[in-house]
Amino acid sequence: MTGSHATPADTATSDRHRGGLALLVIASCQLMVVLDVTIVNIALPHMQKDLGFSTENLSWVVNAYTLTFGGLLLLGGRLGDILGRRRVFIFGVLLFVFASLLGGLSQEGWQLLAARSLQGVGGAIASPTALSLITTTFREGPERNRAFGVFAGVSAGGSAIGLLAGGVLVEWLDWRWVLFVNVPIGLLIALAAPRYIPESERRPGHFDVAGALTSTAGMVLLVYGFIRASEEGWTDTVTLGSFAAAVVLLGLFIAIESRSRQPITPLALFRDRNRAGTYTMMLCLSAAIFGMFFFLTLFVQDVLDFSPLRAGLAFLPVSVVIAISAGLASQLLPRWGPKPFMVVGALLAAAGLGWLTLTDVHSSYLGSILGPMLVFGFGMGMQFVSLTLMAVSGIAPKEAGAASGTLNASQQVGGSLGLSILVTTFGTASRNEADDQVPAFLREGTPAQLQEFRRTGQLPGPWGDQVLTSGVSSAFVVAACFAVLAALVALFVIQVRSTDLARLQGGATPIAGDAGADGVAVGAGETDEPRTGPDRPGRDPDTDRPAKGS
């Protein structure tokens, strides 16, 4: 009796199919986590009305998520390394789903803030684990390049997609659905993960509790200090105290990590100039992209009078361009290497932001906003692919979670810190412009407008539009400086080596005892996972699975 046997072609097709489904699961999780940073922005006025937030406290609906997400990312990456990445990934997704459900059911303001904080914890566990799953699920070379291109595309475009989804859900349903929508999506991801994503080997070791506590507390206080500064000023006692405590805790964190046998963040990651430069660039560019979405959302709704849905649709072209750019970059990187894309991408982002500084009260969406957004988006698309590849290129498997967690932390913390600086710039420029506009308003305003101004202290349009536009334009100047700084780092710090190009092209990785990508000798036994690539003994070169009889 003759049995049917799968041919090598059938096996390869099946592996590609499973790899595609695994990437779909991972990318869907990252999209869900990233877009939650912005999906609530358009819903904020409705949340304020229903739950009785003051204007000051309303900002914590966003900040509670950002603080816990950015502060706990390093710990989330380490959890996956020690406990197994797939099981930690599923736990993070389910925690995110549970918190989203609680947030949608909130009847009091404090309940929503607690749920948003818990969402940040779930996101901090799921997001770095998702990135490290790519490094262990896909072989280095073109296969992993394509996976990183998809991952970077959804990471970079998630903010714009969140604004669109928020506009649709708020206008057609209710603000609670910006949270409820995560429940069915997250449950599908959690159910699909065991079927399509292989489990990584659990690493022996212990949790660096002291490092986790000091890094998390220090990062949270640093982010809080900048957020507080945007609200209360740089000389506020609490602001200064937060900065001082953050410096002490982060200094203590570095001291602990330098002495720990199994640190939550191996400091060796920063000895490599490429990785250190990559993290710096991510800080700068995240500040730029957070600022772009935040201030353009204000401008199109308050000055151009766009509805929530129309405001969301206005950002859809950015998502499309980012996805196209990320796809092109992932295809061309093996030929030219990442450095040209890092330099050109940062310069395009700076050019788009510089163009936006020309925005005034007479600007229109098609004439003044769409063009610079597309230039900015194209640059950011190629940028995020390059940064993602450089951050994890040549990393030991046991440190993949730490490397990806640090990259994600750089993105979230950079966005929070940068946005706070931009908001402070916006506030200073707006107050200066208001000093010029108030006398004109007092001369030209109607009695009804004057009475409303005395009650609220808010200038009506067109005087108020002029104040807001002046602040937005000044904020874009600083955002463009962030992008220029990223370009300088790419130009003078990043150095692409022959081993990096070999990996991008799918070449063999160094054998035990050779110098690794960081220039550090990799001895036998220093990595605790089999090497990736066709040169691994006992592995099928087509499927990267154990060969028969081995």
Protein backbone atom coordinates (compact mmCIF):
# COMPACT_ATOMS: atom_id res chain seq x y z
CA MET A 1 0.00 0.00 0.00
CA THR A 2 1.48 3.26 -1.07
CA GLY A 3 1.10 6.31 1.15
CA SER A 4 1.10 9.87 -0.04
CA HIS A 5 4.15 11.96 0.75
CA ALA A 6 4.49 15.70 0.66
CA THR A 7 6.98 16.95 -1.93
CA PRO A 8 9.62 19.56 -1.01
CA ALA A 9 7.63 22.13 -2.99
CA ASP A 10 4.47 21.30 -1.04
CA THR A 11 6.38 21.58 2.24
CA ALA A 12 7.87 24.93 1.27
CA THR A 13 4.45 26.25 0.23
CA SER A 14 2.95 25.05 3.51
CA ASP A 15 5.73 26.70 5.49
CA ARG A 16 5.24 29.99 3.64
CA HIS A 17 1.51 29.80 4.30
CA ARG A 18 2.04 29.18 8.01
CA GLY A 19 4.67 31.92 8.10
CA GLY A 20 2.24 34.34 6.50
CA LEU A 21 -0.46 33.49 9.04
CA ALA A 22 2.04 33.81 11.90
CA LEU A 23 3.03 37.25 10.63
CA LEU A 24 -0.65 38.22 10.36
CA VAL A 25 -1.19 37.31 14.01
CA ILE A 26 1.93 39.17 15.19
CA ALA A 27 1.27 42.27 13.07
CA SER A 28 -2.40 42.39 14.15
CA CYS A 29 -1.34 42.47 17.78
CA GLN A 30 1.18 45.26 17.14
CA LEU A 31 -1.40 47.28 15.22
CA MET A 32 -3.94 46.90 18.03
CA VAL A 33 -1.44 48.03 20.65
CA VAL A 34 0.06 50.92 18.68
CA LEU A 35 -3.16 52.45 17.38
CA ASP A 36 -4.57 52.53 20.91
CA VAL A 37 -2.21 55.45 21.58
CA THR A 38 -4.24 57.65 19.21
CA ILE A 39 -7.65 55.99 18.77
CA VAL A 40 -8.97 57.67 21.91
CA ASN A 41 -7.88 61.19 20.88
CA ILE A 42 -10.98 61.95 18.83
CA ALA A 43 -13.21 60.44 21.55
CA LEU A 44 -11.85 62.64 24.36
CA PRO A 45 -14.60 65.33 24.25
CA HIS A 46 -17.27 62.62 24.49
CA MET A 47 -15.47 60.92 27.39
CA GLN A 48 -15.25 64.25 29.16
CA LYS A 49 -18.97 64.86 28.82
CA ASP A 50 -20.05 61.38 29.92
CA LEU A 51 -17.62 60.85 32.81
CA GLY A 52 -17.27 64.42 34.10
CA PHE A 53 -13.54 64.94 33.54
CA SER A 54 -12.05 68.37 34.02
CA THR A 55 -9.93 69.59 31.11
CA GLU A 56 -6.74 69.03 33.10
CA ASN A 57 -7.63 65.49 34.18
CA LEU A 58 -8.80 64.55 30.69
CA SER A 59 -5.19 64.45 29.48
CA TRP A 60 -4.59 61.44 31.74
CA VAL A 61 -6.83 59.29 29.53
CA VAL A 62 -3.90 59.35 27.10
CA ASN A 63 -1.08 59.70 29.62
CA ALA A 64 -2.13 56.74 31.79
CA TYR A 65 -1.70 54.42 28.81
CA THR A 66 1.52 55.99 27.56
CA LEU A 67 3.21 56.02 30.96
CA THR A 68 2.61 52.36 31.78
CA PHE A 69 3.27 51.25 28.20
CA GLY A 70 6.58 53.08 27.89
CA GLY A 71 7.67 52.36 31.46
CA LEU A 72 7.14 48.59 31.40
CA LEU A 73 8.33 47.68 27.90
CA LEU A 74 11.76 46.55 29.07
CA LEU A 75 10.23 44.21 31.63
CA GLY A 76 7.83 42.88 28.99
CA GLY A 77 10.69 41.92 26.70
CA ARG A 78 12.50 40.13 29.52
CA LEU A 79 9.37 38.17 30.48
CA GLY A 80 9.26 36.64 27.02
CA ASP A 81 12.91 35.65 27.11
CA ILE A 82 12.58 33.76 30.40
CA LEU A 83 9.04 32.35 30.34
CA GLY A 84 8.61 31.63 26.62
CA ARG A 85 7.60 34.25 24.09
CA ARG A 86 4.38 32.74 22.78
CA ARG A 87 2.80 32.18 26.18
CA VAL A 88 3.82 35.66 27.35
CA PHE A 89 2.52 37.12 24.07
CA ILE A 90 -0.88 35.49 24.62
CA PHE A 91 -1.00 36.63 28.25
CA GLY A 92 -0.25 40.23 27.24
CA VAL A 93 -2.96 40.18 24.56
CA LEU A 94 -5.58 38.76 26.97
CA LEU A 95 -4.67 41.34 29.63
CA PHE A 96 -5.06 44.07 27.01
CA VAL A 97 -8.46 42.67 26.01
CA PHE A 98 -9.64 42.51 29.65
CA ALA A 99 -8.54 46.09 30.32
CA SER A 100 -10.25 47.30 27.12
CA LEU A 101 -13.51 45.69 28.23
CA LEU A 102 -13.25 47.34 31.65
CA GLY A 103 -12.54 50.70 30.05
CA GLY A 104 -15.57 50.49 27.78
CA LEU A 105 -17.79 49.65 30.75
CA SER A 106 -16.43 52.50 32.93
CA GLN A 107 -19.01 54.63 34.71
CA GLU A 108 -16.58 56.88 36.60
CA GLY A 109 -13.48 58.74 35.52
CA TRP A 110 -11.15 56.85 37.87
CA GLN A 111 -12.38 53.54 36.45
CA LEU A 112 -11.42 54.58 32.94
CA LEU A 113 -7.98 55.77 34.06
CA ALA A 114 -7.33 52.50 35.89
CA ALA A 115 -8.39 50.53 32.81
CA ARG A 116 -6.14 52.62 30.57
CA SER A 117 -3.19 51.96 32.88
CA LEU A 118 -3.90 48.22 32.76
CA GLN A 119 -4.11 48.44 28.97
CA GLY A 120 -0.61 49.90 29.01
CA VAL A 121 0.65 46.96 31.07
CA GLY A 122 -0.84 44.47 28.59
CA GLY A 123 0.60 46.39 25.65
CA ALA A 124 4.03 46.54 27.29
CA ILE A 125 4.02 42.74 27.61
CA ALA A 126 2.64 41.96 24.14
CA SER A 127 4.47 44.50 21.96
CA PRO A 128 8.17 43.66 22.59
CA THR A 129 7.32 39.96 22.62
CA ALA A 130 5.68 40.33 19.20
CA LEU A 131 8.85 41.85 17.73
CA SER A 132 11.12 39.21 19.26
CA LEU A 133 8.80 36.49 17.90
CA ILE A 134 9.71 37.68 14.40
CA THR A 135 13.39 37.14 15.13
CA THR A 136 12.72 33.53 16.20
CA THR A 137 9.96 32.65 13.69
CA PHE A 138 11.55 33.93 10.46
CA ARG A 139 15.00 33.13 9.13
CA GLU A 140 17.51 35.95 8.77
CA GLY A 141 17.67 37.33 5.26
CA PRO A 142 14.88 38.20 2.76
CA GLU A 143 12.25 36.26 4.72
CA ARG A 144 12.86 38.23 7.90
CA ASN A 145 13.28 41.48 5.93
CA ARG A 146 9.76 41.11 4.55
CA ALA A 147 8.39 40.33 8.00
CA PHE A 148 10.10 43.39 9.47
CA GLY A 149 8.73 45.49 6.61
CA VAL A 150 5.17 44.48 7.50
CA PHE A 151 5.80 44.93 11.23
CA ALA A 152 7.39 48.35 10.77
CA GLY A 153 4.59 49.43 8.43
CA VAL A 154 1.85 48.71 10.96
CA SER A 155 3.95 50.23 13.76
CA ALA A 156 4.50 53.46 11.88
CA GLY A 157 1.00 53.67 10.40
CA GLY A 158 -0.86 52.65 13.56
CA SER A 159 -1.19 56.23 14.79
CA ALA A 160 -2.94 57.40 11.62
CA ILE A 161 -5.14 54.30 11.48
CA GLY A 162 -6.10 54.93 15.11
CA LEU A 163 -7.30 58.43 14.26
CA LEU A 164 -9.39 57.10 11.37
CA ALA A 165 -10.86 54.24 13.41
CA GLY A 166 -11.61 56.60 16.29
CA GLY A 167 -13.46 58.99 14.00
CA VAL A 168 -15.58 56.19 12.51
CA LEU A 169 -16.45 54.61 15.86
CA VAL A 170 -17.26 57.89 17.63
CA GLU A 171 -19.38 59.28 14.81
CA TRP A 172 -21.28 56.08 13.97
CA LEU A 173 -21.46 54.31 17.34
CA ASP A 174 -20.23 55.63 20.70
CA TRP A 175 -16.95 56.58 22.36
CA ARG A 176 -16.95 53.30 24.31
CA TRP A 177 -16.39 51.38 21.09
CA VAL A 178 -12.86 52.75 20.72
CA LEU A 179 -12.17 50.37 23.63
CA PHE A 180 -14.70 47.61 22.93
CA VAL A 181 -13.29 47.09 19.43
CA ASN A 182 -10.15 45.56 20.95
CA VAL A 183 -12.08 42.71 22.54
CA PRO A 184 -13.00 40.59 19.47
CA ILE A 185 -9.71 41.40 17.73
CA GLY A 186 -7.63 40.46 20.75
CA LEU A 187 -9.54 37.24 21.35
CA LEU A 188 -8.97 36.15 17.73
CA ILE A 189 -5.25 36.87 18.10
CA ALA A 190 -5.05 34.87 21.34
CA LEU A 191 -6.87 31.92 19.77
CA ALA A 192 -4.75 31.93 16.59
CA ALA A 193 -1.35 32.31 18.27
CA PRO A 194 -1.00 28.70 19.55
CA ARG A 195 -1.92 27.37 16.11
CA TYR A 196 0.47 29.39 13.94
CA ILE A 197 3.28 30.68 16.19
CA PRO A 198 5.88 28.22 17.53
CA GLU A 199 6.83 28.48 21.18
CA SER A 200 10.35 29.63 21.96
CA GLU A 201 12.52 27.76 24.39
CA ARG A 202 12.24 28.90 28.00
CA ARG A 203 15.46 30.42 29.25
CA PRO A 204 16.88 29.46 32.62
CA GLY A 205 17.42 32.53 34.76
CA HIS A 206 15.77 34.91 37.13
CA PHE A 207 13.97 38.22 36.87
CA ASP A 208 16.10 41.27 37.50
CA VAL A 209 13.55 42.71 39.95
CA ALA A 210 15.74 45.59 41.12
CA GLY A 211 16.55 46.57 37.55
CA ALA A 212 12.91 46.29 36.51
CA LEU A 213 11.69 48.46 39.39
CA THR A 214 14.29 51.20 39.00
CA SER A 215 14.04 51.38 35.21
CA THR A 216 10.25 51.39 35.21
CA ALA A 217 9.94 53.95 38.00
CA GLY A 218 12.64 56.13 36.48
CA MET A 219 11.11 56.11 33.01
CA VAL A 220 7.61 56.76 34.36
CA LEU A 221 8.86 59.73 36.40
CA LEU A 222 10.81 61.10 33.45
CA VAL A 223 7.76 60.90 31.19
CA TYR A 224 5.57 62.35 33.94
CA GLY A 225 8.01 65.21 34.48
CA PHE A 226 7.75 66.32 30.87
CA ILE A 227 3.98 65.92 30.81
CA ARG A 228 3.72 67.92 34.03
CA ALA A 229 6.01 70.60 32.58
CA SER A 230 3.67 71.02 29.61
CA GLU A 231 0.79 71.66 32.02
CA GLU A 232 2.36 73.49 34.97
CA GLY A 233 5.66 74.87 33.65
CA TRP A 234 9.33 73.96 33.98
CA THR A 235 9.78 75.65 37.37
CA ASP A 236 6.93 73.76 39.04
CA THR A 237 8.10 71.99 42.22
CA VAL A 238 6.54 68.67 41.27
CA THR A 239 8.06 68.87 37.79
CA LEU A 240 11.56 69.46 39.15
CA GLY A 241 11.09 66.76 41.78
CA SER A 242 10.04 64.26 39.11
CA PHE A 243 13.12 65.01 37.02
CA ALA A 244 15.43 64.73 40.02
CA ALA A 245 13.93 61.42 41.13
CA ALA A 246 14.09 60.11 37.54
CA VAL A 247 17.80 60.94 37.28
CA VAL A 248 18.53 59.20 40.58
CA LEU A 249 16.52 56.08 39.70
CA LEU A 250 17.90 55.75 36.17
CA GLY A 251 21.44 56.23 37.50
CA LEU A 252 20.76 53.50 40.04
CA PHE A 253 19.36 51.32 37.25
CA ILE A 254 22.60 51.63 35.25
CA ALA A 255 24.64 50.76 38.34
CA ILE A 256 22.49 47.68 39.00
CA GLU A 257 22.64 46.51 35.37
CA SER A 258 26.42 46.84 35.23
CA ARG A 259 26.72 44.41 38.15
CA SER A 260 23.87 42.00 37.38
CA ARG A 261 24.66 38.56 35.96
CA GLN A 262 21.33 38.50 34.10
CA PRO A 263 20.32 42.13 33.56
CA ILE A 264 16.92 43.12 32.23
CA THR A 265 18.74 45.32 29.71
CA PRO A 266 22.24 44.10 28.79
CA LEU A 267 24.36 47.26 28.65
CA ALA A 268 26.40 45.58 25.92
CA LEU A 269 23.54 46.51 23.58
CA PHE A 270 24.67 50.14 23.84
CA ARG A 271 28.36 49.39 23.23
CA ASP A 272 27.53 48.80 19.59
CA ARG A 273 27.42 52.22 17.92
CA ASN A 274 24.77 51.11 15.43
CA ARG A 275 22.35 49.98 18.10
CA ALA A 276 22.97 53.05 20.26
CA GLY A 277 22.47 55.28 17.21
CA THR A 278 19.31 53.40 16.28
CA TYR A 279 17.79 53.95 19.73
CA THR A 280 18.68 57.67 19.57
CA MET A 281 17.10 58.02 16.15
CA MET A 282 13.95 56.27 17.34
CA LEU A 283 13.65 58.73 20.25
CA CYS A 284 13.91 61.71 17.88
CA LEU A 285 11.65 60.41 15.12
CA SER A 286 8.95 59.22 17.53
CA ALA A 287 8.85 62.72 18.99
CA ALA A 288 8.33 64.04 15.46
CA ILE A 289 5.56 61.62 14.47
CA PHE A 290 3.65 61.98 17.76
CA GLY A 291 3.80 65.75 17.36
CA MET A 292 2.70 65.68 13.73
CA PHE A 293 -0.45 63.68 14.44
CA PHE A 294 -1.30 65.56 17.64
CA PHE A 295 -1.07 69.08 16.23
CA LEU A 296 -2.58 68.33 12.84
CA THR A 297 -5.54 66.73 14.61
CA LEU A 298 -6.04 70.01 16.50
CA PHE A 299 -5.63 72.09 13.34
CA VAL A 300 -8.01 70.19 11.05
CA GLN A 301 -10.77 70.05 13.70
CA ASP A 302 -10.44 73.49 15.32
CA VAL A 303 -9.35 75.63 12.36
CA LEU A 304 -10.62 73.72 9.32
CA ASP A 305 -13.77 72.56 11.21
CA PHE A 306 -13.46 68.90 10.18
CA SER A 307 -15.83 66.41 11.82
CA PRO A 308 -14.27 63.48 13.74
CA LEU A 309 -14.82 61.13 10.80
CA ARG A 310 -13.48 63.60 8.24
CA ALA A 311 -10.47 64.28 10.46
CA GLY A 312 -9.76 60.55 10.60
CA LEU A 313 -10.07 60.23 6.82
CA ALA A 314 -7.69 63.15 6.37
CA PHE A 315 -4.87 61.02 7.81
CA LEU A 316 -5.58 57.90 5.75
CA PRO A 317 -3.17 58.89 2.91
CA VAL A 318 -0.33 58.96 5.44
CA SER A 319 -0.99 55.34 6.41
CA VAL A 320 -1.03 54.29 2.75
CA VAL A 321 2.23 56.07 1.97
CA ILE A 322 3.94 54.66 5.08
CA ALA A 323 2.91 51.14 4.09
CA ILE A 324 4.15 51.61 0.50
CA SER A 325 7.43 53.13 1.65
CA ALA A 326 8.03 50.38 4.22
CA GLY A 327 7.43 47.71 1.58
CA LEU A 328 9.82 49.32 -0.90
CA ALA A 329 12.49 49.77 1.75
CA SER A 330 12.30 46.13 2.85
CA GLN A 331 12.86 45.03 -0.78
CA LEU A 332 15.76 47.40 -1.49
CA LEU A 333 17.61 47.15 1.83
CA PRO A 334 19.60 44.01 0.91
CA ARG A 335 21.07 45.80 -2.13
CA TRP A 336 21.99 49.16 -0.59
CA GLY A 337 22.00 48.51 3.14
CA PRO A 338 20.00 50.44 5.73
CA LYS A 339 22.12 53.60 6.09
CA PRO A 340 20.94 55.41 2.90
CA PHE A 341 17.32 54.81 3.91
CA MET A 342 17.99 56.05 7.45
CA VAL A 343 19.58 59.27 6.22
CA VAL A 344 17.14 59.99 3.39
CA GLY A 345 14.12 58.97 5.45
CA ALA A 346 15.02 61.35 8.27
CA LEU A 347 15.67 64.19 5.83
CA LEU A 348 12.29 63.62 4.12
CA ALA A 349 10.59 63.68 7.52
CA ALA A 350 12.37 66.95 8.33
CA ALA A 351 11.35 68.39 4.95
CA GLY A 352 7.70 67.50 5.51
CA LEU A 353 7.70 69.04 8.99
CA GLY A 354 9.52 72.13 7.71
CA TRP A 355 6.83 72.51 5.04
CA LEU A 356 4.16 72.34 7.75
CA THR A 357 5.73 75.32 9.54
CA LEU A 358 4.24 77.45 6.74
CA THR A 359 0.71 76.59 7.90
CA ASP A 360 -1.47 79.61 8.68
CA VAL A 361 -5.16 80.42 9.15
CA HIS A 362 -5.63 80.61 5.38
CA SER A 363 -4.22 77.12 4.76
CA SER A 364 -6.38 74.37 3.27
CA TYR A 365 -6.09 70.61 3.55
CA LEU A 366 -5.32 69.97 -0.12
CA GLY A 367 -3.17 73.05 -0.58
CA SER A 368 -1.10 73.04 2.61
CA ILE A 369 -1.53 69.82 4.64
CA LEU A 370 -1.72 66.80 2.32
CA GLY A 371 1.57 67.40 0.49
CA PRO A 372 3.84 67.71 3.54
CA MET A 373 2.06 64.79 5.22
CA LEU A 374 2.86 62.54 2.25
CA VAL A 375 6.52 63.61 2.21
CA PHE A 376 6.75 63.02 5.95
CA GLY A 377 5.00 59.63 5.72
CA PHE A 378 7.24 58.36 2.91
CA GLY A 379 10.33 59.21 4.93
CA MET A 380 8.99 57.61 8.09
CA GLY A 381 8.04 54.40 6.29
CA MET A 382 11.57 53.69 5.09
CA GLN A 383 12.91 54.90 8.42
CA PHE A 384 11.06 52.47 10.66
CA VAL A 385 12.04 49.45 8.56
CA SER A 386 15.72 50.42 8.73
CA LEU A 387 15.64 51.15 12.45
CA THR A 388 13.92 47.87 13.26
CA LEU A 389 16.45 45.83 11.29
CA MET A 390 19.46 47.63 12.76
CA ALA A 391 18.17 47.26 16.33
CA VAL A 392 18.03 43.45 16.19
CA SER A 393 20.66 42.68 13.53
CA GLY A 394 23.13 40.11 14.82
CA ILE A 395 21.61 40.01 18.28
CA ALA A 396 21.97 36.82 20.31
CA PRO A 397 18.61 35.01 20.57
CA LYS A 398 18.70 35.20 24.37
CA GLU A 399 18.85 39.02 24.13
CA ALA A 400 16.20 39.46 21.43
CA GLY A 401 13.54 40.42 23.96
CA ALA A 402 15.77 43.02 25.59
CA ALA A 403 16.79 44.52 22.23
CA SER A 404 13.24 44.73 20.92
CA GLY A 405 11.95 45.99 24.27
CA THR A 406 14.50 48.78 24.27
CA LEU A 407 13.54 49.76 20.72
CA ASN A 408 9.86 49.87 21.62
CA ALA A 409 10.63 51.79 24.81
CA SER A 410 12.60 54.32 22.78
CA GLN A 411 9.58 54.80 20.54
CA GLN A 412 7.03 55.29 23.31
CA VAL A 413 9.23 57.29 25.68
CA GLY A 414 10.56 59.38 22.82
CA GLY A 415 7.02 60.11 21.69
CA SER A 416 5.88 61.09 25.18
CA LEU A 417 8.92 63.20 26.01
CA GLY A 418 9.03 64.82 22.60
CA LEU A 419 5.33 65.61 22.57
CA SER A 420 5.66 67.28 25.97
CA ILE A 421 8.47 69.48 24.64
CA LEU A 422 6.40 70.34 21.57
CA VAL A 423 3.35 71.14 23.70
CA THR A 424 5.48 73.48 25.82
CA THR A 425 6.71 75.19 22.64
CA PHE A 426 3.12 75.41 21.42
CA GLY A 427 1.98 76.97 24.70
CA THR A 428 4.72 79.61 24.72
CA ALA A 429 4.11 80.65 21.09
CA SER A 430 0.33 80.66 21.61
CA ARG A 431 0.57 82.92 24.67
CA ASN A 432 2.82 85.35 22.80
CA GLU A 433 0.41 85.45 19.87
CA ALA A 434 -2.53 85.90 22.25
CA ASP A 435 -0.87 89.04 23.64
CA ASP A 436 -1.11 90.51 20.13
CA GLN A 437 -4.58 89.18 19.30
CA VAL A 438 -6.45 90.14 22.49
CA PRO A 439 -6.22 93.94 21.94
CA ALA A 440 -7.44 93.50 18.36
CA PHE A 441 -10.32 91.32 19.58
CA LEU A 442 -11.31 93.85 22.26
CA ARG A 443 -11.53 96.52 19.54
CA GLU A 444 -13.36 94.45 16.93
CA GLY A 445 -15.36 91.80 18.81
CA THR A 446 -19.14 91.92 19.11
CA PRO A 447 -20.76 92.45 22.54
CA ALA A 448 -21.81 88.81 22.65
CA GLN A 449 -18.26 87.67 21.84
CA LEU A 450 -16.82 89.97 24.48
CA GLN A 451 -19.20 88.62 27.10
CA GLU A 452 -18.31 85.00 26.22
CA PHE A 453 -14.60 85.83 26.36
CA ARG A 454 -14.97 87.27 29.88
CA ARG A 455 -16.72 84.06 30.95
CA THR A 456 -14.37 81.48 29.36
CA GLY A 457 -11.13 83.34 28.63
CA GLN A 458 -11.09 81.72 25.18
CA LEU A 459 -10.68 83.84 22.06
CA PRO A 460 -13.25 83.10 19.33
CA GLY A 461 -12.28 82.73 15.69
CA PRO A 462 -10.62 84.23 13.74
CA TRP A 463 -8.51 85.55 16.62
CA GLY A 464 -8.44 82.17 18.37
CA ASP A 465 -7.56 80.41 15.11
CA GLN A 466 -4.60 82.73 14.69
CA VAL A 467 -3.38 81.93 18.20
CA LEU A 468 -3.67 78.15 17.69
CA THR A 469 -2.05 78.27 14.25
CA SER A 470 0.91 80.27 15.55
CA GLY A 471 1.49 77.68 18.28
CA VAL A 472 1.17 74.76 15.85
CA SER A 473 3.62 76.32 13.41
CA SER A 474 6.20 76.87 16.18
CA ALA A 475 5.80 73.29 17.38
CA PHE A 476 6.54 72.02 13.87
CA VAL A 477 9.82 73.97 13.88
CA VAL A 478 11.00 71.99 16.91
CA ALA A 479 9.67 68.72 15.44
CA ALA A 480 11.68 69.38 12.26
CA CYS A 481 14.79 69.88 14.45
CA PHE A 482 14.20 66.43 15.99
CA ALA A 483 14.14 64.89 12.50
CA VAL A 484 17.31 66.75 11.47
CA LEU A 485 19.06 65.44 14.58
CA ALA A 486 18.04 61.91 13.60
CA ALA A 487 19.51 62.47 10.12
CA LEU A 488 22.82 63.63 11.63
CA VAL A 489 22.98 60.53 13.83
CA ALA A 490 22.34 58.32 10.78
CA LEU A 491 25.03 60.11 8.78
CA PHE A 492 27.81 60.23 11.35
CA VAL A 493 27.11 57.37 13.79
CA ILE A 494 25.62 54.48 11.81
CA GLN A 495 28.16 52.23 10.09
CA VAL A 496 26.90 49.30 8.02
CA ARG A 497 29.34 46.40 8.02
CA SER A 498 29.77 43.53 5.59
CA THR A 499 28.27 41.12 8.13
CA ASP A 500 25.12 43.28 8.29
CA LEU A 501 24.72 43.17 4.50
CA ALA A 502 25.34 39.41 4.49
CA ARG A 503 22.49 38.91 6.94
CA LEU A 504 20.14 41.13 4.95
CA GLN A 505 20.96 39.12 1.83
CA GLY A 506 20.41 35.81 3.62
CA GLY A 507 24.08 34.89 3.88
CA ALA A 508 25.55 32.65 6.54
CA THR A 509 25.97 34.05 10.02
CA PRO A 510 29.37 33.86 11.73
CA ILE A 511 30.23 30.48 13.17
CA ALA A 512 31.06 29.94 16.82
CA GLY A 513 34.22 31.75 17.76
CA ASP A 514 33.99 34.32 14.96
CA ALA A 515 33.35 37.99 15.55
CA GLY A 516 29.67 38.78 15.69
CA ALA A 517 27.87 41.83 14.42
CA ASP A 518 28.85 43.78 17.49
CA GLY A 519 32.51 43.07 16.96
CA VAL A 520 32.50 40.77 20.00
CA ALA A 521 33.74 37.22 19.74
CA VAL A 522 30.92 34.71 19.95
CA GLY A 523 32.21 31.61 21.66
CA ALA A 524 30.59 28.23 21.68
CA GLY A 525 27.88 28.09 24.25
CA GLU A 526 27.44 31.86 24.52
CA THR A 527 24.19 31.66 22.61
CA ASP A 528 21.60 29.35 24.06
CA GLU A 529 19.64 28.75 20.88
CA PRO A 530 20.60 27.06 17.59
CA ARG A 531 21.80 29.45 14.94
CA THR A 532 19.53 30.57 12.17
CA GLY A 533 20.40 29.87 8.58
CA PRO A 534 21.18 27.08 6.15
CA ASP A 535 24.55 26.37 7.77
CA ARG A 536 23.06 25.04 10.99
CA PRO A 537 24.03 21.39 11.51
CA GLY A 538 21.18 18.91 11.51
CA ARG A 539 18.74 21.36 9.89
CA ASP A 540 16.87 21.15 6.60
CA PRO A 541 18.11 24.18 4.59
CA ASP A 542 14.70 24.69 2.96
CA THR A 543 12.46 24.50 6.00
CA ASP A 544 14.97 25.31 8.79
CA ARG A 545 13.56 22.32 10.69
CA PRO A 546 15.42 19.29 12.06
CA ALA A 547 16.51 17.09 9.20
CA LYS A 548 15.32 13.51 9.16
CA GLY A 549 17.59 11.24 11.07
CA SER A 550 19.32 14.04 12.95
